[in-house]
mmCIF file of all heavy atoms, coordinates in Angstrom:
data_MODEL
# 
_entry.id   MODEL 
# 
loop_
_atom_site.group_PDB 
_atom_site.id 
_atom_site.type_symbol 
_atom_site.label_atom_id 
_atom_site.label_alt_id 
_atom_site.label_comp_id 
_atom_site.label_asym_id 
_atom_site.label_entity_id 
_atom_site.label_seq_id 
_atom_site.pdbx_PDB_ins_code 
_atom_site.Cartn_x 
_atom_site.Cartn_y 
_atom_site.Cartn_z 
_atom_site.occupancy 
_atom_site.B_iso_or_equiv 
_atom_site.pdbx_formal_charge 
_atom_site.auth_seq_id 
_atom_site.auth_comp_id 
_atom_site.auth_asym_id 
_atom_site.auth_atom_id 
_atom_site.pdbx_PDB_model_num 
ATOM 1   N N   . ALA A 1 1  ? 0.808   -1.211  0.048  1.00 0.00 ? 1  ALA A N   1 
ATOM 2   C CA  . ALA A 1 1  ? 0.005   -0.029  -0.024 1.00 0.00 ? 1  ALA A CA  1 
ATOM 3   C C   . ALA A 1 1  ? 0.951   1.256   -0.091 1.00 0.00 ? 1  ALA A C   1 
ATOM 4   O O   . ALA A 1 1  ? 0.666   2.146   -0.755 1.00 0.00 ? 1  ALA A O   1 
ATOM 5   C CB  . ALA A 1 1  ? -1.006  0.008   1.199  1.00 0.00 ? 1  ALA A CB  1 
ATOM 6   N N   . LEU A 1 2  ? 1.917   1.213   0.753  1.00 0.00 ? 2  LEU A N   1 
ATOM 7   C CA  . LEU A 1 2  ? 2.834   2.413   0.755  1.00 0.00 ? 2  LEU A CA  1 
ATOM 8   C C   . LEU A 1 2  ? 3.582   2.496   -0.500 1.00 0.00 ? 2  LEU A C   1 
ATOM 9   O O   . LEU A 1 2  ? 3.677   3.642   -1.025 1.00 0.00 ? 2  LEU A O   1 
ATOM 10  C CB  . LEU A 1 2  ? 3.924   2.143   1.840  1.00 0.00 ? 2  LEU A CB  1 
ATOM 11  C CG  . LEU A 1 2  ? 3.370   2.295   3.361  1.00 0.00 ? 2  LEU A CG  1 
ATOM 12  C CD1 . LEU A 1 2  ? 4.446   1.916   4.359  1.00 0.00 ? 2  LEU A CD1 1 
ATOM 13  C CD2 . LEU A 1 2  ? 2.932   3.821   3.773  1.00 0.00 ? 2  LEU A CD2 1 
ATOM 14  N N   . GLU A 1 3  ? 4.071   1.364   -1.046 1.00 0.00 ? 3  GLU A N   1 
ATOM 15  C CA  . GLU A 1 3  ? 4.771   1.503   -2.384 1.00 0.00 ? 3  GLU A CA  1 
ATOM 16  C C   . GLU A 1 3  ? 3.892   1.878   -3.598 1.00 0.00 ? 3  GLU A C   1 
ATOM 17  O O   . GLU A 1 3  ? 4.413   2.625   -4.415 1.00 0.00 ? 3  GLU A O   1 
ATOM 18  C CB  . GLU A 1 3  ? 5.312   0.031   -2.669 1.00 0.00 ? 3  GLU A CB  1 
ATOM 19  C CG  . GLU A 1 3  ? 6.479   0.082   -3.646 1.00 0.00 ? 3  GLU A CG  1 
ATOM 20  C CD  . GLU A 1 3  ? 7.774   0.697   -3.134 1.00 0.00 ? 3  GLU A CD  1 
ATOM 21  O OE1 . GLU A 1 3  ? 7.893   0.987   -1.900 1.00 0.00 ? 3  GLU A OE1 1 
ATOM 22  O OE2 . GLU A 1 3  ? 8.688   0.842   -3.949 1.00 0.00 ? 3  GLU A OE2 1 
ATOM 23  N N   . GLU A 1 4  ? 2.626   1.433   -3.483 1.00 0.00 ? 4  GLU A N   1 
ATOM 24  C CA  . GLU A 1 4  ? 1.666   1.909   -4.594 1.00 0.00 ? 4  GLU A CA  1 
ATOM 25  C C   . GLU A 1 4  ? 1.033   3.190   -4.361 1.00 0.00 ? 4  GLU A C   1 
ATOM 26  O O   . GLU A 1 4  ? 0.291   3.714   -5.243 1.00 0.00 ? 4  GLU A O   1 
ATOM 27  C CB  . GLU A 1 4  ? 0.500   0.792   -4.679 1.00 0.00 ? 4  GLU A CB  1 
ATOM 28  C CG  . GLU A 1 4  ? 1.063   -0.502  -5.072 1.00 0.00 ? 4  GLU A CG  1 
ATOM 29  C CD  . GLU A 1 4  ? 1.663   -0.547  -6.596 1.00 0.00 ? 4  GLU A CD  1 
ATOM 30  O OE1 . GLU A 1 4  ? 0.912   0.040   -7.498 1.00 0.00 ? 4  GLU A OE1 1 
ATOM 31  O OE2 . GLU A 1 4  ? 2.725   -0.953  -6.857 1.00 0.00 ? 4  GLU A OE2 1 
ATOM 32  N N   . GLY A 1 5  ? 1.367   3.901   -3.246 1.00 0.00 ? 5  GLY A N   1 
ATOM 33  C CA  . GLY A 1 5  ? 0.815   5.287   -2.937 1.00 0.00 ? 5  GLY A CA  1 
ATOM 34  C C   . GLY A 1 5  ? -0.677  5.265   -2.512 1.00 0.00 ? 5  GLY A C   1 
ATOM 35  O O   . GLY A 1 5  ? -1.285  6.322   -2.498 1.00 0.00 ? 5  GLY A O   1 
ATOM 36  N N   . ILE A 1 6  ? -1.156  4.051   -2.188 1.00 0.00 ? 6  ILE A N   1 
ATOM 37  C CA  . ILE A 1 6  ? -2.516  4.033   -1.620 1.00 0.00 ? 6  ILE A CA  1 
ATOM 38  C C   . ILE A 1 6  ? -2.740  4.713   -0.359 1.00 0.00 ? 6  ILE A C   1 
ATOM 39  O O   . ILE A 1 6  ? -3.761  5.303   -0.028 1.00 0.00 ? 6  ILE A O   1 
ATOM 40  C CB  . ILE A 1 6  ? -2.992  2.559   -1.563 1.00 0.00 ? 6  ILE A CB  1 
ATOM 41  C CG1 . ILE A 1 6  ? -3.054  1.957   -2.858 1.00 0.00 ? 6  ILE A CG1 1 
ATOM 42  C CG2 . ILE A 1 6  ? -4.256  2.385   -0.839 1.00 0.00 ? 6  ILE A CG2 1 
ATOM 43  C CD1 . ILE A 1 6  ? -3.058  0.362   -2.860 1.00 0.00 ? 6  ILE A CD1 1 
ATOM 44  N N   . VAL A 1 7  ? -1.660  4.657   0.490  1.00 0.00 ? 7  VAL A N   1 
ATOM 45  C CA  . VAL A 1 7  ? -1.761  5.424   1.822  1.00 0.00 ? 7  VAL A CA  1 
ATOM 46  C C   . VAL A 1 7  ? -0.307  5.934   2.046  1.00 0.00 ? 7  VAL A C   1 
ATOM 47  O O   . VAL A 1 7  ? 0.687   5.500   1.262  1.00 0.00 ? 7  VAL A O   1 
ATOM 48  C CB  . VAL A 1 7  ? -2.018  4.514   3.011  1.00 0.00 ? 7  VAL A CB  1 
ATOM 49  C CG1 . VAL A 1 7  ? -3.378  4.057   2.983  1.00 0.00 ? 7  VAL A CG1 1 
ATOM 50  C CG2 . VAL A 1 7  ? -1.069  3.422   3.188  1.00 0.00 ? 7  VAL A CG2 1 
ATOM 51  N N   . THR A 1 8  ? -0.089  6.947   2.817  1.00 0.00 ? 8  THR A N   1 
ATOM 52  C CA  . THR A 1 8  ? 1.225   7.335   3.261  1.00 0.00 ? 8  THR A CA  1 
ATOM 53  C C   . THR A 1 8  ? 1.278   6.962   4.714  1.00 0.00 ? 8  THR A C   1 
ATOM 54  O O   . THR A 1 8  ? 0.237   6.613   5.474  1.00 0.00 ? 8  THR A O   1 
ATOM 55  C CB  . THR A 1 8  ? 1.289   8.877   3.248  1.00 0.00 ? 8  THR A CB  1 
ATOM 56  O OG1 . THR A 1 8  ? 0.339   9.538   4.066  1.00 0.00 ? 8  THR A OG1 1 
ATOM 57  C CG2 . THR A 1 8  ? 1.253   9.341   1.692  1.00 0.00 ? 8  THR A CG2 1 
ATOM 58  N N   . ALA A 1 9  ? 2.539   7.070   5.250  1.00 0.00 ? 9  ALA A N   1 
ATOM 59  C CA  . ALA A 1 9  ? 2.793   6.474   6.637  1.00 0.00 ? 9  ALA A CA  1 
ATOM 60  C C   . ALA A 1 9  ? 1.931   7.283   7.805  1.00 0.00 ? 9  ALA A C   1 
ATOM 61  O O   . ALA A 1 9  ? 1.454   6.530   8.554  1.00 0.00 ? 9  ALA A O   1 
ATOM 62  C CB  . ALA A 1 9  ? 4.304   6.495   6.928  1.00 0.00 ? 9  ALA A CB  1 
ATOM 63  N N   . ASN A 1 10 ? 1.850   8.550   7.650  1.00 0.00 ? 10 ASN A N   1 
ATOM 64  C CA  . ASN A 1 10 ? 1.199   9.252   8.620  1.00 0.00 ? 10 ASN A CA  1 
ATOM 65  C C   . ASN A 1 10 ? -0.253  9.667   8.351  1.00 0.00 ? 10 ASN A C   1 
ATOM 66  O O   . ASN A 1 10 ? -0.986  10.212  9.147  1.00 0.00 ? 10 ASN A O   1 
ATOM 67  C CB  . ASN A 1 10 ? 2.030   10.524  8.901  1.00 0.00 ? 10 ASN A CB  1 
ATOM 68  C CG  . ASN A 1 10 ? 3.282   10.278  9.506  1.00 0.00 ? 10 ASN A CG  1 
ATOM 69  O OD1 . ASN A 1 10 ? 3.489   9.635   10.477 1.00 0.00 ? 10 ASN A OD1 1 
ATOM 70  N ND2 . ASN A 1 10 ? 4.361   10.796  8.789  1.00 0.00 ? 10 ASN A ND2 1 
ATOM 71  N N   . GLN A 1 11 ? -0.776  9.101   7.280  1.00 0.00 ? 11 GLN A N   1 
ATOM 72  C CA  . GLN A 1 11 ? -2.195  9.410   6.792  1.00 0.00 ? 11 GLN A CA  1 
ATOM 73  C C   . GLN A 1 11 ? -3.148  8.756   7.674  1.00 0.00 ? 11 GLN A C   1 
ATOM 74  O O   . GLN A 1 11 ? -2.948  7.393   7.941  1.00 0.00 ? 11 GLN A O   1 
ATOM 75  C CB  . GLN A 1 11 ? -2.374  9.046   5.396  1.00 0.00 ? 11 GLN A CB  1 
ATOM 76  C CG  . GLN A 1 11 ? -3.816  9.129   4.809  1.00 0.00 ? 11 GLN A CG  1 
ATOM 77  C CD  . GLN A 1 11 ? -4.052  8.513   3.436  1.00 0.00 ? 11 GLN A CD  1 
ATOM 78  O OE1 . GLN A 1 11 ? -2.902  8.276   2.756  1.00 0.00 ? 11 GLN A OE1 1 
ATOM 79  N NE2 . GLN A 1 11 ? -5.180  8.272   3.064  1.00 0.00 ? 11 GLN A NE2 1 
ATOM 80  N N   . GLU A 1 12 ? -3.976  9.256   8.310  1.00 0.00 ? 12 GLU A N   1 
ATOM 81  C CA  . GLU A 1 12 ? -4.956  8.581   9.253  1.00 0.00 ? 12 GLU A CA  1 
ATOM 82  C C   . GLU A 1 12 ? -6.302  8.245   8.553  1.00 0.00 ? 12 GLU A C   1 
ATOM 83  O O   . GLU A 1 12 ? -6.896  9.046   7.806  1.00 0.00 ? 12 GLU A O   1 
ATOM 84  C CB  . GLU A 1 12 ? -5.278  9.554   10.450 1.00 0.00 ? 12 GLU A CB  1 
ATOM 85  C CG  . GLU A 1 12 ? -4.039  9.687   11.265 1.00 0.00 ? 12 GLU A CG  1 
ATOM 86  C CD  . GLU A 1 12 ? -4.344  10.357  12.622 1.00 0.00 ? 12 GLU A CD  1 
ATOM 87  O OE1 . GLU A 1 12 ? -5.310  11.371  12.558 1.00 0.00 ? 12 GLU A OE1 1 
ATOM 88  O OE2 . GLU A 1 12 ? -3.743  9.997   13.751 1.00 0.00 ? 12 GLU A OE2 1 
ATOM 89  N N   . ILE A 1 13 ? -6.705  7.027   8.754  1.00 0.00 ? 13 ILE A N   1 
ATOM 90  C CA  . ILE A 1 13 ? -7.923  6.598   8.096  1.00 0.00 ? 13 ILE A CA  1 
ATOM 91  C C   . ILE A 1 13 ? -8.941  6.140   9.229  1.00 0.00 ? 13 ILE A C   1 
ATOM 92  O O   . ILE A 1 13 ? -8.474  5.559   10.259 1.00 0.00 ? 13 ILE A O   1 
ATOM 93  C CB  . ILE A 1 13 ? -7.675  5.218   7.417  1.00 0.00 ? 13 ILE A CB  1 
ATOM 94  C CG1 . ILE A 1 13 ? -6.679  5.710   6.053  1.00 0.00 ? 13 ILE A CG1 1 
ATOM 95  C CG2 . ILE A 1 13 ? -9.019  4.623   6.669  1.00 0.00 ? 13 ILE A CG2 1 
ATOM 96  C CD1 . ILE A 1 13 ? -6.147  4.500   5.304  1.00 0.00 ? 13 ILE A CD1 1 
ATOM 97  N N   . SER A 1 14 ? -10.178 6.477   9.068  1.00 0.00 ? 14 SER A N   1 
ATOM 98  C CA  . SER A 1 14 ? -11.230 6.206   10.155 1.00 0.00 ? 14 SER A CA  1 
ATOM 99  C C   . SER A 1 14 ? -11.432 4.717   10.183 1.00 0.00 ? 14 SER A C   1 
ATOM 100 O O   . SER A 1 14 ? -11.718 4.105   9.074  1.00 0.00 ? 14 SER A O   1 
ATOM 101 C CB  . SER A 1 14 ? -12.543 6.946   9.814  1.00 0.00 ? 14 SER A CB  1 
ATOM 102 O OG  . SER A 1 14 ? -13.493 6.526   10.830 1.00 0.00 ? 14 SER A OG  1 
ATOM 103 N N   . CYS A 1 15 ? -11.293 3.969   11.230 1.00 0.00 ? 15 CYS A N   1 
ATOM 104 C CA  . CYS A 1 15 ? -11.439 2.637   11.369 1.00 0.00 ? 15 CYS A CA  1 
ATOM 105 C C   . CYS A 1 15 ? -12.569 2.247   12.421 1.00 0.00 ? 15 CYS A C   1 
ATOM 106 O O   . CYS A 1 15 ? -12.293 1.957   13.492 1.00 0.00 ? 15 CYS A O   1 
ATOM 107 C CB  . CYS A 1 15 ? -10.244 1.883   11.666 1.00 0.00 ? 15 CYS A CB  1 
ATOM 108 S SG  . CYS A 1 15 ? -8.904  2.118   10.411 1.00 0.00 ? 15 CYS A SG  1 
ATOM 109 N N   . PRO A 1 16 ? -13.882 2.170   11.976 1.00 0.00 ? 16 PRO A N   1 
ATOM 110 C CA  . PRO A 1 16 ? -14.991 1.776   12.905 1.00 0.00 ? 16 PRO A CA  1 
ATOM 111 C C   . PRO A 1 16 ? -14.945 0.234   13.118 1.00 0.00 ? 16 PRO A C   1 
ATOM 112 O O   . PRO A 1 16 ? -14.117 -0.540  12.510 1.00 0.00 ? 16 PRO A O   1 
ATOM 113 C CB  . PRO A 1 16 ? -16.229 2.211   11.995 1.00 0.00 ? 16 PRO A CB  1 
ATOM 114 C CG  . PRO A 1 16 ? -15.850 2.164   10.631 1.00 0.00 ? 16 PRO A CG  1 
ATOM 115 C CD  . PRO A 1 16 ? -14.249 2.494   10.599 1.00 0.00 ? 16 PRO A CD  1 
ATOM 116 N N   . PRO A 1 17 ? -15.958 -0.227  13.850 1.00 0.00 ? 17 PRO A N   1 
ATOM 117 C CA  . PRO A 1 17 ? -15.919 -1.595  14.125 1.00 0.00 ? 17 PRO A CA  1 
ATOM 118 C C   . PRO A 1 17 ? -16.096 -2.559  13.014 1.00 0.00 ? 17 PRO A C   1 
ATOM 119 O O   . PRO A 1 17 ? -15.700 -3.783  13.090 1.00 0.00 ? 17 PRO A O   1 
ATOM 120 C CB  . PRO A 1 17 ? -17.064 -1.836  15.191 1.00 0.00 ? 17 PRO A CB  1 
ATOM 121 C CG  . PRO A 1 17 ? -17.186 -0.408  15.647 1.00 0.00 ? 17 PRO A CG  1 
ATOM 122 C CD  . PRO A 1 17 ? -16.938 0.534   14.605 1.00 0.00 ? 17 PRO A CD  1 
ATOM 123 N N   . THR A 1 18 ? -16.726 -2.109  11.995 1.00 0.00 ? 18 THR A N   1 
ATOM 124 C CA  . THR A 1 18 ? -17.084 -2.954  10.862 1.00 0.00 ? 18 THR A CA  1 
ATOM 125 C C   . THR A 1 18 ? -16.777 -2.325  9.518  1.00 0.00 ? 18 THR A C   1 
ATOM 126 O O   . THR A 1 18 ? -16.726 -1.119  9.453  1.00 0.00 ? 18 THR A O   1 
ATOM 127 C CB  . THR A 1 18 ? -18.707 -3.206  10.771 1.00 0.00 ? 18 THR A CB  1 
ATOM 128 O OG1 . THR A 1 18 ? -19.406 -2.016  10.859 1.00 0.00 ? 18 THR A OG1 1 
ATOM 129 C CG2 . THR A 1 18 ? -19.018 -4.140  12.019 1.00 0.00 ? 18 THR A CG2 1 
ATOM 130 N N   . PHE A 1 19 ? -16.841 -3.071  8.399  1.00 0.00 ? 19 PHE A N   1 
ATOM 131 C CA  . PHE A 1 19 ? -16.544 -2.556  7.115  1.00 0.00 ? 19 PHE A CA  1 
ATOM 132 C C   . PHE A 1 19 ? -17.489 -3.370  6.140  1.00 0.00 ? 19 PHE A C   1 
ATOM 133 O O   . PHE A 1 19 ? -17.619 -4.721  6.213  1.00 0.00 ? 19 PHE A O   1 
ATOM 134 C CB  . PHE A 1 19 ? -15.139 -2.844  6.601  1.00 0.00 ? 19 PHE A CB  1 
ATOM 135 C CG  . PHE A 1 19 ? -14.792 -2.607  5.233  1.00 0.00 ? 19 PHE A CG  1 
ATOM 136 C CD1 . PHE A 1 19 ? -14.761 -1.345  4.733  1.00 0.00 ? 19 PHE A CD1 1 
ATOM 137 C CD2 . PHE A 1 19 ? -14.679 -3.683  4.313  1.00 0.00 ? 19 PHE A CD2 1 
ATOM 138 C CE1 . PHE A 1 19 ? -14.436 -1.151  3.306  1.00 0.00 ? 19 PHE A CE1 1 
ATOM 139 C CE2 . PHE A 1 19 ? -14.514 -3.387  2.968  1.00 0.00 ? 19 PHE A CE2 1 
ATOM 140 C CZ  . PHE A 1 19 ? -14.270 -2.251  2.567  1.00 0.00 ? 19 PHE A CZ  1 
ATOM 141 N N   . ARG A 1 20 ? -18.316 -2.660  5.383  1.00 0.00 ? 20 ARG A N   1 
ATOM 142 C CA  . ARG A 1 20 ? -19.250 -3.271  4.449  1.00 0.00 ? 20 ARG A CA  1 
ATOM 143 C C   . ARG A 1 20 ? -18.679 -3.248  3.120  1.00 0.00 ? 20 ARG A C   1 
ATOM 144 O O   . ARG A 1 20 ? -18.156 -2.222  2.490  1.00 0.00 ? 20 ARG A O   1 
ATOM 145 C CB  . ARG A 1 20 ? -20.552 -2.517  4.520  1.00 0.00 ? 20 ARG A CB  1 
ATOM 146 C CG  . ARG A 1 20 ? -21.735 -3.164  3.580  1.00 0.00 ? 20 ARG A CG  1 
ATOM 147 C CD  . ARG A 1 20 ? -22.926 -2.436  3.668  1.00 0.00 ? 20 ARG A CD  1 
ATOM 148 N NE  . ARG A 1 20 ? -23.519 -2.703  5.071  1.00 0.00 ? 20 ARG A NE  1 
ATOM 149 C CZ  . ARG A 1 20 ? -24.408 -3.685  5.341  1.00 0.00 ? 20 ARG A CZ  1 
ATOM 150 N NH1 . ARG A 1 20 ? -24.497 -4.562  4.371  1.00 0.00 ? 20 ARG A NH1 1 
ATOM 151 N NH2 . ARG A 1 20 ? -24.908 -3.796  6.574  1.00 0.00 ? 20 ARG A NH2 1 
ATOM 152 N N   . LEU A 1 21 ? -18.848 -4.393  2.314  1.00 0.00 ? 21 LEU A N   1 
ATOM 153 C CA  . LEU A 1 21 ? -18.537 -4.534  0.885  1.00 0.00 ? 21 LEU A CA  1 
ATOM 154 C C   . LEU A 1 21 ? -19.706 -5.190  0.199  1.00 0.00 ? 21 LEU A C   1 
ATOM 155 O O   . LEU A 1 21 ? -19.911 -6.370  0.559  1.00 0.00 ? 21 LEU A O   1 
ATOM 156 C CB  . LEU A 1 21 ? -17.113 -5.297  0.626  1.00 0.00 ? 21 LEU A CB  1 
ATOM 157 C CG  . LEU A 1 21 ? -16.832 -5.347  -0.746 1.00 0.00 ? 21 LEU A CG  1 
ATOM 158 C CD1 . LEU A 1 21 ? -16.356 -4.038  -1.279 1.00 0.00 ? 21 LEU A CD1 1 
ATOM 159 C CD2 . LEU A 1 21 ? -15.507 -6.302  -0.943 1.00 0.00 ? 21 LEU A CD2 1 
ATOM 160 N N   . GLY A 1 22 ? -20.407 -4.498  -0.529 1.00 0.00 ? 22 GLY A N   1 
ATOM 161 C CA  . GLY A 1 22 ? -21.638 -5.102  -1.092 1.00 0.00 ? 22 GLY A CA  1 
ATOM 162 C C   . GLY A 1 22 ? -22.589 -5.515  0.026  1.00 0.00 ? 22 GLY A C   1 
ATOM 163 O O   . GLY A 1 22 ? -22.913 -4.632  0.910  1.00 0.00 ? 22 GLY A O   1 
ATOM 164 N N   . ARG A 1 23 ? -23.018 -6.761  0.115  1.00 0.00 ? 23 ARG A N   1 
ATOM 165 C CA  . ARG A 1 23 ? -23.996 -7.088  1.199  1.00 0.00 ? 23 ARG A CA  1 
ATOM 166 C C   . ARG A 1 23 ? -23.331 -7.777  2.328  1.00 0.00 ? 23 ARG A C   1 
ATOM 167 O O   . ARG A 1 23 ? -24.001 -8.113  3.399  1.00 0.00 ? 23 ARG A O   1 
ATOM 168 C CB  . ARG A 1 23 ? -25.048 -8.078  0.566  1.00 0.00 ? 23 ARG A CB  1 
ATOM 169 C CG  . ARG A 1 23 ? -25.904 -7.511  -0.361 1.00 0.00 ? 23 ARG A CG  1 
ATOM 170 C CD  . ARG A 1 23 ? -27.029 -8.518  -0.928 1.00 0.00 ? 23 ARG A CD  1 
ATOM 171 N NE  . ARG A 1 23 ? -26.383 -9.534  -1.718 1.00 0.00 ? 23 ARG A NE  1 
ATOM 172 C CZ  . ARG A 1 23 ? -27.056 -10.629 -2.341 1.00 0.00 ? 23 ARG A CZ  1 
ATOM 173 N NH1 . ARG A 1 23 ? -28.176 -10.801 -2.086 1.00 0.00 ? 23 ARG A NH1 1 
ATOM 174 N NH2 . ARG A 1 23 ? -26.272 -11.532 -3.028 1.00 0.00 ? 23 ARG A NH2 1 
ATOM 175 N N   . ARG A 1 24 ? -21.974 -7.944  2.281  1.00 0.00 ? 24 ARG A N   1 
ATOM 176 C CA  . ARG A 1 24 ? -21.313 -8.484  3.373  1.00 0.00 ? 24 ARG A CA  1 
ATOM 177 C C   . ARG A 1 24 ? -20.688 -7.482  4.240  1.00 0.00 ? 24 ARG A C   1 
ATOM 178 O O   . ARG A 1 24 ? -20.113 -6.505  3.838  1.00 0.00 ? 24 ARG A O   1 
ATOM 179 C CB  . ARG A 1 24 ? -20.252 -9.438  2.793  1.00 0.00 ? 24 ARG A CB  1 
ATOM 180 C CG  . ARG A 1 24 ? -19.422 -10.324 3.908  1.00 0.00 ? 24 ARG A CG  1 
ATOM 181 C CD  . ARG A 1 24 ? -18.634 -11.437 3.350  1.00 0.00 ? 24 ARG A CD  1 
ATOM 182 N NE  . ARG A 1 24 ? -18.010 -11.938 4.489  1.00 0.00 ? 24 ARG A NE  1 
ATOM 183 C CZ  . ARG A 1 24 ? -17.026 -12.974 4.287  1.00 0.00 ? 24 ARG A CZ  1 
ATOM 184 N NH1 . ARG A 1 24 ? -16.851 -13.358 3.217  1.00 0.00 ? 24 ARG A NH1 1 
ATOM 185 N NH2 . ARG A 1 24 ? -16.428 -13.516 5.382  1.00 0.00 ? 24 ARG A NH2 1 
ATOM 186 N N   . VAL A 1 25 ? -20.733 -7.898  5.603  1.00 0.00 ? 25 VAL A N   1 
ATOM 187 C CA  . VAL A 1 25 ? -20.128 -7.056  6.624  1.00 0.00 ? 25 VAL A CA  1 
ATOM 188 C C   . VAL A 1 25 ? -18.891 -7.716  7.172  1.00 0.00 ? 25 VAL A C   1 
ATOM 189 O O   . VAL A 1 25 ? -19.052 -8.820  7.683  1.00 0.00 ? 25 VAL A O   1 
ATOM 190 C CB  . VAL A 1 25 ? -21.186 -6.665  7.751  1.00 0.00 ? 25 VAL A CB  1 
ATOM 191 C CG1 . VAL A 1 25 ? -20.547 -5.897  8.871  1.00 0.00 ? 25 VAL A CG1 1 
ATOM 192 C CG2 . VAL A 1 25 ? -22.376 -5.936  7.216  1.00 0.00 ? 25 VAL A CG2 1 
ATOM 193 N N   . TYR A 1 26 ? -17.733 -7.059  7.226  1.00 0.00 ? 26 TYR A N   1 
ATOM 194 C CA  . TYR A 1 26 ? -16.478 -7.518  7.734  1.00 0.00 ? 26 TYR A CA  1 
ATOM 195 C C   . TYR A 1 26 ? -16.364 -6.959  9.130  1.00 0.00 ? 26 TYR A C   1 
ATOM 196 O O   . TYR A 1 26 ? -16.294 -5.728  9.171  1.00 0.00 ? 26 TYR A O   1 
ATOM 197 C CB  . TYR A 1 26 ? -15.381 -7.290  6.791  1.00 0.00 ? 26 TYR A CB  1 
ATOM 198 C CG  . TYR A 1 26 ? -15.477 -8.158  5.517  1.00 0.00 ? 26 TYR A CG  1 
ATOM 199 C CD1 . TYR A 1 26 ? -16.181 -7.428  4.409  1.00 0.00 ? 26 TYR A CD1 1 
ATOM 200 C CD2 . TYR A 1 26 ? -14.819 -9.296  5.322  1.00 0.00 ? 26 TYR A CD2 1 
ATOM 201 C CE1 . TYR A 1 26 ? -16.248 -8.138  3.139  1.00 0.00 ? 26 TYR A CE1 1 
ATOM 202 C CE2 . TYR A 1 26 ? -14.974 -9.957  4.054  1.00 0.00 ? 26 TYR A CE2 1 
ATOM 203 C CZ  . TYR A 1 26 ? -15.637 -9.405  2.993  1.00 0.00 ? 26 TYR A CZ  1 
ATOM 204 O OH  . TYR A 1 26 ? -15.747 -9.958  1.819  1.00 0.00 ? 26 TYR A OH  1 
ATOM 205 N N   . HIS A 1 27 ? -15.976 -7.787  10.222 1.00 0.00 ? 27 HIS A N   1 
ATOM 206 C CA  . HIS A 1 27 ? -15.854 -7.239  11.510 1.00 0.00 ? 27 HIS A CA  1 
ATOM 207 C C   . HIS A 1 27 ? -14.306 -7.101  11.906 1.00 0.00 ? 27 HIS A C   1 
ATOM 208 O O   . HIS A 1 27 ? -13.496 -7.822  11.398 1.00 0.00 ? 27 HIS A O   1 
ATOM 209 C CB  . HIS A 1 27 ? -16.460 -8.137  12.591 1.00 0.00 ? 27 HIS A CB  1 
ATOM 210 C CG  . HIS A 1 27 ? -17.927 -8.245  12.352 1.00 0.00 ? 27 HIS A CG  1 
ATOM 211 N ND1 . HIS A 1 27 ? -18.690 -7.309  12.974 1.00 0.00 ? 27 HIS A ND1 1 
ATOM 212 C CD2 . HIS A 1 27 ? -18.799 -9.107  11.693 1.00 0.00 ? 27 HIS A CD2 1 
ATOM 213 C CE1 . HIS A 1 27 ? -20.127 -7.657  12.825 1.00 0.00 ? 27 HIS A CE1 1 
ATOM 214 N NE2 . HIS A 1 27 ? -20.059 -8.734  11.895 1.00 0.00 ? 27 HIS A NE2 1 
ATOM 215 N N   . ASP A 1 28 ? -14.035 -5.876  12.542 1.00 0.00 ? 28 ASP A N   1 
ATOM 216 C CA  . ASP A 1 28 ? -12.740 -5.854  13.188 1.00 0.00 ? 28 ASP A CA  1 
ATOM 217 C C   . ASP A 1 28 ? -12.596 -6.780  14.402 1.00 0.00 ? 28 ASP A C   1 
ATOM 218 O O   . ASP A 1 28 ? -13.675 -7.108  14.961 1.00 0.00 ? 28 ASP A O   1 
ATOM 219 C CB  . ASP A 1 28 ? -12.542 -4.362  13.549 1.00 0.00 ? 28 ASP A CB  1 
ATOM 220 C CG  . ASP A 1 28 ? -10.945 -4.080  13.809 1.00 0.00 ? 28 ASP A CG  1 
ATOM 221 O OD1 . ASP A 1 28 ? -10.471 -4.514  14.989 1.00 0.00 ? 28 ASP A OD1 1 
ATOM 222 O OD2 . ASP A 1 28 ? -10.343 -3.628  13.087 1.00 0.00 ? 28 ASP A OD2 1 
# 
């Protein structure tokens, strides 16, 4: 992700308890 420039080291991303992709929910 760092090498492809998708994120930078200090870039903060909001990470709630779940992540939805389509109809499926992925849990932390």
